[in-house]
Protein backbone atom coordinates (compact mmCIF):
# COMPACT_ATOMS: atom_id res chain seq x y z
CA MET A 1 22.09 19.49 21.61
CA GLY A 2 19.80 17.76 24.12
CA GLN A 3 16.96 15.33 23.36
CA GLU A 4 14.38 18.12 23.44
CA ASP A 5 16.26 19.97 20.69
CA ASP A 6 16.63 16.70 18.78
CA ILE A 7 12.87 16.18 18.91
CA LEU A 8 12.12 19.74 17.69
CA THR A 9 14.52 19.27 14.77
CA LEU A 10 12.87 15.95 14.01
CA ILE A 11 9.39 17.45 14.05
CA ASP A 12 10.44 20.18 11.60
CA LEU A 13 11.77 17.47 9.24
CA ILE A 14 8.61 15.38 9.65
CA TYR A 15 6.42 18.21 8.39
CA GLU A 16 8.68 18.73 5.39
CA THR A 17 7.92 15.12 4.35
CA ALA A 18 4.25 16.03 4.03
CA PHE A 19 5.14 17.95 0.87
CA ASP A 20 8.23 16.04 -0.27
CA SER A 21 7.97 12.22 -0.22
CA THR A 22 11.70 11.83 -0.91
CA LEU A 23 12.43 13.01 2.63
CA TRP A 24 10.72 10.12 4.40
CA PRO A 25 13.83 7.89 4.60
CA VAL A 26 15.80 10.81 6.08
CA ALA A 27 13.04 11.56 8.59
CA LEU A 28 12.77 7.90 9.66
CA THR A 29 16.50 7.68 10.12
CA ARG A 30 16.39 10.80 12.28
CA LEU A 31 13.51 9.23 14.28
CA ALA A 32 15.65 6.14 14.97
CA ASP A 33 18.56 8.38 16.05
CA THR A 34 16.29 10.47 18.32
CA THR A 35 14.71 7.43 19.96
CA GLY A 36 18.02 5.61 20.18
CA THR A 37 16.64 2.54 18.34
CA ALA A 38 18.46 0.36 15.82
CA GLN A 39 15.62 -0.10 13.34
CA VAL A 40 12.70 1.92 12.02
CA ALA A 41 10.01 1.23 9.44
CA LEU A 42 6.93 2.80 7.94
CA ALA A 43 5.01 -0.15 6.46
CA SER A 44 1.65 -1.05 4.94
CA LEU A 45 -0.07 -4.34 4.21
CA ASP A 46 -2.78 -4.66 1.62
CA ARG A 47 -4.48 -7.97 2.38
CA ARG A 48 -6.89 -7.63 -0.53
CA ALA A 49 -4.17 -7.56 -3.16
CA HIS A 50 -1.57 -9.46 -1.16
CA ILE A 51 0.94 -6.57 -1.27
CA TYR A 52 3.33 -5.35 1.43
CA ASP A 53 5.47 -2.24 1.10
CA SER A 54 7.68 -0.23 3.44
CA ILE A 55 10.29 2.45 3.93
CA ALA A 56 12.93 0.91 6.18
CA PRO A 57 16.19 2.86 5.69
CA ARG A 58 18.21 0.93 8.25
CA THR A 59 17.19 -2.55 7.22
CA ASP A 60 19.39 -4.71 4.97
CA PRO A 61 17.76 -4.44 1.49
CA VAL A 62 18.04 -8.22 1.06
CA MET A 63 16.21 -8.85 4.33
CA ASP A 64 13.66 -6.18 3.49
CA ALA A 65 12.91 -7.91 0.17
CA ARG A 66 12.49 -11.27 1.92
CA TYR A 67 9.94 -9.75 4.30
CA LYS A 68 8.13 -8.06 1.46
CA ASN A 69 7.91 -11.21 -0.66
CA TYR A 70 7.15 -13.82 2.02
CA TRP A 71 7.30 -13.05 5.74
CA ALA A 72 4.80 -10.18 5.73
CA PHE A 73 2.13 -12.73 4.88
CA HIS A 74 3.33 -15.28 7.49
CA ASP A 75 3.96 -12.88 10.36
CA PRO A 76 1.50 -13.56 13.24
CA LEU A 77 2.02 -10.00 14.50
CA TRP A 78 0.09 -8.29 11.68
CA PRO A 79 -3.41 -9.52 12.64
CA LEU A 80 -2.71 -8.55 16.24
CA MET A 81 -1.26 -5.13 15.37
CA THR A 82 -4.22 -4.17 13.20
CA LYS A 83 -6.51 -4.62 16.20
CA GLN A 84 -4.79 -1.71 17.98
CA PRO A 85 -6.55 1.68 17.69
CA PRO A 86 -4.70 4.19 15.48
CA GLY A 87 -2.49 6.53 17.49
CA THR A 88 -2.07 4.08 20.36
CA VAL A 89 1.51 3.05 21.10
CA PHE A 90 1.90 -0.69 21.53
CA SER A 91 4.81 -3.08 21.98
CA ILE A 92 5.23 -6.66 20.81
CA ASP A 93 5.08 -7.68 24.46
CA SER A 94 1.62 -6.10 24.79
CA ILE A 95 0.13 -8.19 21.95
CA MET A 96 2.11 -11.43 22.23
CA SER A 97 4.23 -12.91 24.98
CA ARG A 98 8.00 -12.60 24.51
CA LYS A 99 8.36 -16.37 24.89
CA GLU A 100 5.74 -17.13 22.24
CA PHE A 101 7.13 -14.60 19.77
CA SER A 102 10.73 -15.75 20.24
CA SER A 103 9.68 -19.26 19.20
CA THR A 104 8.01 -18.21 15.94
CA PRO A 105 9.68 -18.90 12.56
CA VAL A 106 9.41 -15.25 11.55
CA PHE A 107 11.44 -14.16 14.58
CA ASN A 108 14.15 -16.76 14.20
CA GLU A 109 14.35 -16.67 10.40
CA TRP A 110 13.77 -12.96 9.80
CA PHE A 111 13.62 -10.65 12.84
CA ARG A 112 16.83 -11.92 14.50
CA PRO A 113 18.95 -12.04 11.26
CA ALA A 114 17.62 -8.62 10.25
CA GLU A 115 18.60 -7.14 13.67
CA PHE A 116 15.02 -6.45 14.67
CA GLY A 117 14.67 -7.39 18.32
CA PRO A 118 11.45 -8.15 20.26
CA ALA A 119 12.00 -4.91 22.20
CA SER A 120 10.04 -2.64 19.88
CA MET A 121 7.12 -0.26 19.78
CA GLY A 122 4.78 0.92 17.09
CA SER A 123 1.52 2.63 16.27
CA ASN A 124 -1.05 2.28 13.51
CA LEU A 125 -1.37 5.26 11.18
CA LEU A 126 -4.16 3.75 9.08
CA VAL A 127 -6.43 0.81 9.81
CA GLY A 128 -8.94 -0.10 7.09
CA ASP A 129 -10.96 -3.11 6.13
CA GLN A 130 -8.20 -4.45 3.88
CA VAL A 131 -5.29 -1.97 4.16
CA SER A 132 -3.30 -0.92 7.23
CA ALA A 133 -0.18 1.18 7.73
CA LEU A 134 2.03 1.61 10.80
CA ILE A 135 5.23 3.19 12.09
CA CYS A 136 7.55 1.16 14.32
CA VAL A 137 11.00 1.24 15.93
CA ALA A 138 13.03 -1.60 17.43
CA ASN A 139 16.21 -2.32 19.35
CA THR A 140 18.65 -5.00 18.30
CA PRO A 141 18.04 -8.56 19.61
CA LYS A 142 20.84 -7.96 22.16
CA ASN A 143 19.07 -4.94 23.66
CA ASP A 144 15.85 -6.50 24.96
CA HIS A 145 14.35 -3.51 26.79
CA ILE A 146 12.65 -0.32 25.55
CA SER A 147 13.60 2.42 28.00
CA GLU A 148 11.27 5.15 29.27
CA LYS A 149 13.42 7.72 27.47
CA GLN A 150 12.92 5.87 24.17
CA THR A 151 9.17 5.65 24.73
CA LEU A 152 8.84 9.35 25.54
CA ALA A 153 10.73 10.36 22.39
CA PHE A 154 8.60 8.08 20.21
CA LYS A 155 5.37 9.35 21.76
CA ALA A 156 6.51 12.98 21.28
CA ALA A 157 7.11 12.41 17.54
CA LEU A 158 4.09 10.20 16.83
CA PRO A 159 1.30 12.78 16.56
CA HIS A 160 3.37 14.82 14.14
CA ILE A 161 4.18 11.75 12.03
CA ASP A 162 0.44 10.90 11.97
CA ARG A 163 -0.42 14.43 10.95
CA ALA A 164 2.22 14.57 8.21
CA VAL A 165 1.08 11.23 6.83
CA ARG A 166 -2.53 12.40 6.73
CA ILE A 167 -1.58 15.64 4.99
CA HIS A 168 0.60 13.74 2.54
CA ARG A 169 -2.14 11.25 1.75
CA GLU A 170 -4.83 13.92 1.42
CA LEU A 171 -2.75 15.94 -1.02
CA ARG A 172 -2.20 12.87 -3.17
CA ILE A 173 -5.88 11.93 -3.07
CA ARG A 174 -6.79 15.43 -4.23
CA ASP A 175 -4.34 15.08 -7.09
CA LEU A 176 -5.83 11.72 -7.93
CA ASP A 177 -9.37 13.09 -8.00
CA HIS A 178 -8.24 16.06 -10.12
CA ASP A 179 -6.45 13.90 -12.68
CA THR A 180 -8.95 11.05 -13.06
CA ALA A 181 -12.23 12.65 -11.88
CA PRO A 182 -13.88 9.40 -10.77
CA ALA A 183 -17.06 11.25 -9.82
CA ARG A 184 -17.66 12.08 -13.48
CA LEU A 185 -17.22 8.40 -14.44
CA GLU A 186 -19.80 7.03 -12.00
CA CYS A 187 -22.88 7.92 -14.01
CA LEU A 188 -21.62 6.60 -17.38
CA GLN A 189 -23.57 3.66 -18.82
CA ARG A 190 -20.37 2.08 -20.12
CA SER A 191 -18.16 0.13 -17.65
CA VAL A 192 -15.11 2.13 -16.60
CA MET A 193 -12.37 1.09 -14.14
CA LEU A 194 -9.19 2.72 -12.90
CA VAL A 195 -6.40 0.26 -12.12
CA ASP A 196 -2.87 0.41 -10.81
CA GLY A 197 0.15 -1.35 -12.23
CA ALA A 198 -0.72 -4.60 -10.44
CA ALA A 199 -4.23 -4.50 -11.97
CA ARG A 200 -5.80 -3.66 -8.63
CA VAL A 201 -9.14 -1.97 -9.25
CA LEU A 202 -8.96 1.41 -7.48
CA PHE A 203 -12.30 2.62 -8.87
CA ALA A 204 -15.18 0.99 -10.73
CA ASN A 205 -18.28 2.86 -11.75
CA ALA A 206 -21.78 1.42 -11.31
CA ALA A 207 -21.79 -0.30 -14.73
CA ALA A 208 -18.40 -1.91 -14.04
CA ARG A 209 -19.48 -3.08 -10.59
CA TRP A 210 -22.47 -4.80 -12.20
CA LEU A 211 -20.23 -6.37 -14.86
CA LEU A 212 -17.75 -7.74 -12.31
CA GLY A 213 -20.61 -9.13 -10.26
CA SER A 214 -22.13 -10.87 -13.26
CA GLY A 215 -19.25 -13.37 -13.44
CA GLY A 216 -18.75 -13.17 -17.19
CA GLY A 217 -15.57 -12.22 -19.04
CA LEU A 218 -13.87 -10.08 -16.36
CA ILE A 219 -13.50 -10.99 -12.71
CA LEU A 220 -11.76 -9.87 -9.57
CA ARG A 221 -9.21 -12.03 -7.77
CA ALA A 222 -7.84 -10.56 -4.54
CA GLY A 223 -8.93 -7.15 -5.75
CA CYS A 224 -7.07 -7.48 -9.12
CA LEU A 225 -8.73 -7.52 -12.57
CA HIS A 226 -8.45 -10.71 -14.60
CA SER A 227 -10.03 -11.98 -17.81
CA THR A 228 -11.54 -15.43 -17.71
CA GLY A 229 -10.16 -18.32 -19.69
CA ASP A 230 -6.64 -19.60 -20.20
CA SER A 231 -5.22 -16.31 -21.52
CA ASP A 232 -5.12 -13.28 -19.21
CA ILE A 233 -4.23 -10.63 -21.79
CA VAL A 234 -5.78 -7.80 -19.80
CA GLN A 235 -3.08 -8.13 -17.17
CA GLY A 236 -0.37 -7.68 -19.79
CA LEU A 237 -2.08 -4.64 -21.32
CA ILE A 238 -2.33 -3.01 -17.88
CA ALA A 239 1.27 -3.78 -17.03
CA SER A 240 2.38 -2.14 -20.28
CA CYS A 241 0.95 1.16 -18.99
CA THR A 242 3.39 1.48 -16.10
CA ARG A 243 6.14 4.07 -16.55
CA LYS A 244 8.93 1.46 -16.41
CA ALA A 245 7.35 -0.81 -19.00
CA ARG A 246 8.80 -1.00 -22.51
CA ALA A 247 6.00 -2.64 -24.47
CA PRO A 248 6.83 -3.43 -28.13
CA HIS A 249 3.49 -2.02 -29.37
CA GLY A 250 3.29 0.81 -26.87
CA PRO A 251 1.20 1.07 -23.69
CA GLY A 252 -2.36 -0.24 -23.50
CA GLY A 253 -4.42 -1.69 -26.29
CA GLU A 254 -7.66 -3.49 -27.07
CA MET A 255 -8.86 -7.04 -26.68
CA SER A 256 -11.94 -9.18 -26.98
CA VAL A 257 -13.07 -11.36 -24.08
CA ARG A 258 -15.31 -14.35 -24.78
CA ARG A 259 -18.14 -15.09 -22.34
CA GLY A 260 -19.60 -18.34 -23.64
CA PRO A 261 -21.35 -19.60 -26.80
CA ARG A 262 -24.59 -17.66 -26.26
CA ARG A 263 -23.19 -14.36 -25.13
CA SER A 264 -21.53 -11.67 -27.20
CA PRO A 265 -17.89 -10.98 -26.35
CA LEU A 266 -16.78 -7.97 -24.40
CA ARG A 267 -14.60 -5.37 -26.10
CA VAL A 268 -11.99 -4.14 -23.60
CA THR A 269 -9.84 -1.07 -24.08
CA VAL A 270 -6.89 -0.32 -21.78
CA THR A 271 -5.76 3.35 -21.95
CA PRO A 272 -2.66 4.58 -20.09
CA LEU A 273 -3.04 7.45 -17.63
CA ARG A 274 -0.32 10.03 -17.05
CA SER A 275 -0.71 12.36 -14.09
CA LYS A 276 -0.13 16.04 -14.63
CA GLY A 277 -0.06 16.95 -10.98
CA THR A 278 2.35 16.22 -8.12
CA ILE A 279 0.87 12.81 -7.55
CA ALA A 280 3.25 10.01 -6.63
CA GLU A 281 2.75 6.32 -5.92
CA LEU A 282 2.72 5.80 -2.16
CA PRO A 283 2.00 2.10 -1.50
CA TRP A 284 3.34 2.43 2.08
CA LEU A 285 0.35 4.72 2.75
CA GLY A 286 -2.13 2.31 1.27
CA LEU A 287 -2.59 4.70 -1.66
CA GLY A 288 -2.46 3.22 -5.14
CA ILE A 289 -2.13 5.43 -8.18
CA PRO A 290 -3.99 4.43 -11.39
CA VAL A 291 -1.81 3.77 -14.38
CA ALA A 292 -4.64 2.89 -16.77
CA MET A 293 -8.32 3.32 -17.52
CA VAL A 294 -10.17 0.11 -18.53
CA THR A 295 -13.36 0.65 -20.51
CA VAL A 296 -15.60 -2.21 -21.51
CA VAL A 297 -18.19 -2.34 -24.27
CA ASP A 298 -20.95 -4.87 -23.58
CA SER A 299 -22.99 -4.52 -26.79
CA ALA A 300 -25.80 -6.84 -25.60
CA ARG A 301 -26.36 -4.91 -22.36
CA GLU A 302 -26.08 -1.49 -23.99
CA LYS A 303 -28.63 -2.51 -26.62
CA TRP A 304 -30.94 -3.74 -23.87
CA MET A 305 -30.58 -0.49 -21.88
CA ASN A 306 -31.25 1.66 -24.91
């Protein structure tokens, strides 16, 4: 089977991933085989919440964890990559000189040991204000040249990857809207927020946006919800709503948040959400899935509004 047949087989598999997220590692491995590259990754970086995630089936899991926990936030390539228009194929050489990159700590302490060479190419799939996602392939450090044949194969697959990712993301967003109906929450007088397992606020209605902006009781830090004071109980209540959590008193709960001697406390309720659709958490697409609804009773404000 020639390269053209390999690409057609790859494209068929890519479109299957749009409806079955479990196939992405298989499709990425096939992409690496078709392009003749050693490494492949579909990755996203959420700068707001300081979270990196990826699907990198050929990368040593230990090295992948190290990049996720540290190097993603100390890699000088990310700010340069996010400046590239989505759909445009770029190489490391096109955004940073080979000499400069080879002298960086991330190359010597992560890329080289992980068998990611400077001969690589990638393309942005999503570029937002705080979240970006990309697809990339790379040769080993010993193979320092991307061939024309490799480039042509990557470019042939790229529009189909981009289309499949968009379909995949759109389907999940529709599920999200169906299950949580944020539009119906917007006009409520009571503060309502939808949060993921890391307490990132994925949606806040008008009342909640006002509350968070008032600086009392509940605040945002890097996009995540926190309660003021020494104790941050709200984080624990939200974490208990994740599927893997085994909370002694069950998921969610209620708490009171003090706001000072002259202001009445907030009554905060954290309620777990369980999707009934096909929705799945896809952090590598910059798509967070809410695990809890946070409602806040501000008795003083509600009395004033009524």
